[in-house]
Amino acid sequence: MAQPEYLRIAADLRRRISTGEYGPGDQIPTLPALCREYGDVSQTTIRNALALLRNEGLIETRARAGTLVRPRPAIHRMAADRYRTTPGAKTTPYTRDQGIGWTEYRLDKRFEKVQADPELAALFECEVGERLLARHFVFHDNDQPTQMSTSYVRWSDVAGTPVADPINEPWPGGTRAQMASLGIRVARITESFTSAMPTEIEAATLRIGSGVPVLRYTRRHISDSGRIVEVAHPIVRRGDTTIVDFAIDLDD
């Protein structure tokens, strides 16, 4: 079966973008120009090809600017030791992942009190209905949103403390430093990863196409007594530019 014309055109435009013929910020030719270039095909065919590339996050359309090649985000490596921050330093695991300074880091935040539903209760190993503080975050590298998450802490741990006040975010050292300020020593952090296509909210928040996969992971901070003191569920990053690195030291 012959390949649909719009798929052939999309593949060619994708190749031209990947080879740098159309670089980041370059304008893609107009619909009439592309129609002529690809053998007098219809504008509908060209629109379908461009829609495919837009969903993949390769191009974007701006008012009065036309269709442009989107800047290619850098690939960020998330190392397993990113939680080993220097006490007092203005860094967090996120700034280490991104390789940015404190002044380049911006955090949108919204706090609310919630009760643990069955899923959260299982993650916290607590009773359904336990009071939690939900902290909704969108992380920005300069002006580019690259990560979003909802982090839950036990209300009994943070009520009346600076940790419960969003004005103190971002907090140097991240959640581990916050727990230390409460006298809680975090001895273990667990993470579990999945990948999927983004929801509408995730795609809009991270400014990615609906065809760009996301990496979702659940993180738990566990105290030295074995008590789970924080659950981030989920943390979401675009999956096409994130690499997770693990180093495993073997005694033998």
Foldseek 3Di string as FASTA:
>chain_A
DDDDPLVVVLVVVVVCDVVVVADAFRADDDLVVVCVVSPNDDSVSPVVSVLVCQLQQQWDQDPPSGIHGHHDDAFWEQEPCLLPDDPPDQDESVCVRVVDDNVQKDKDKDKDKDFADPVNCVVQVHDGGQIKIWIWIFIGRNNATFKTWIKIFGCVQPPPHPVRPCVCPPPRSHPQVVCVVSVFHFDDKDKDKDKDFDDPVVCVSRVGRSNFIKIWMKMWTATPVRGTGMIIGIMIGGDVRYHYDYDDDDPD
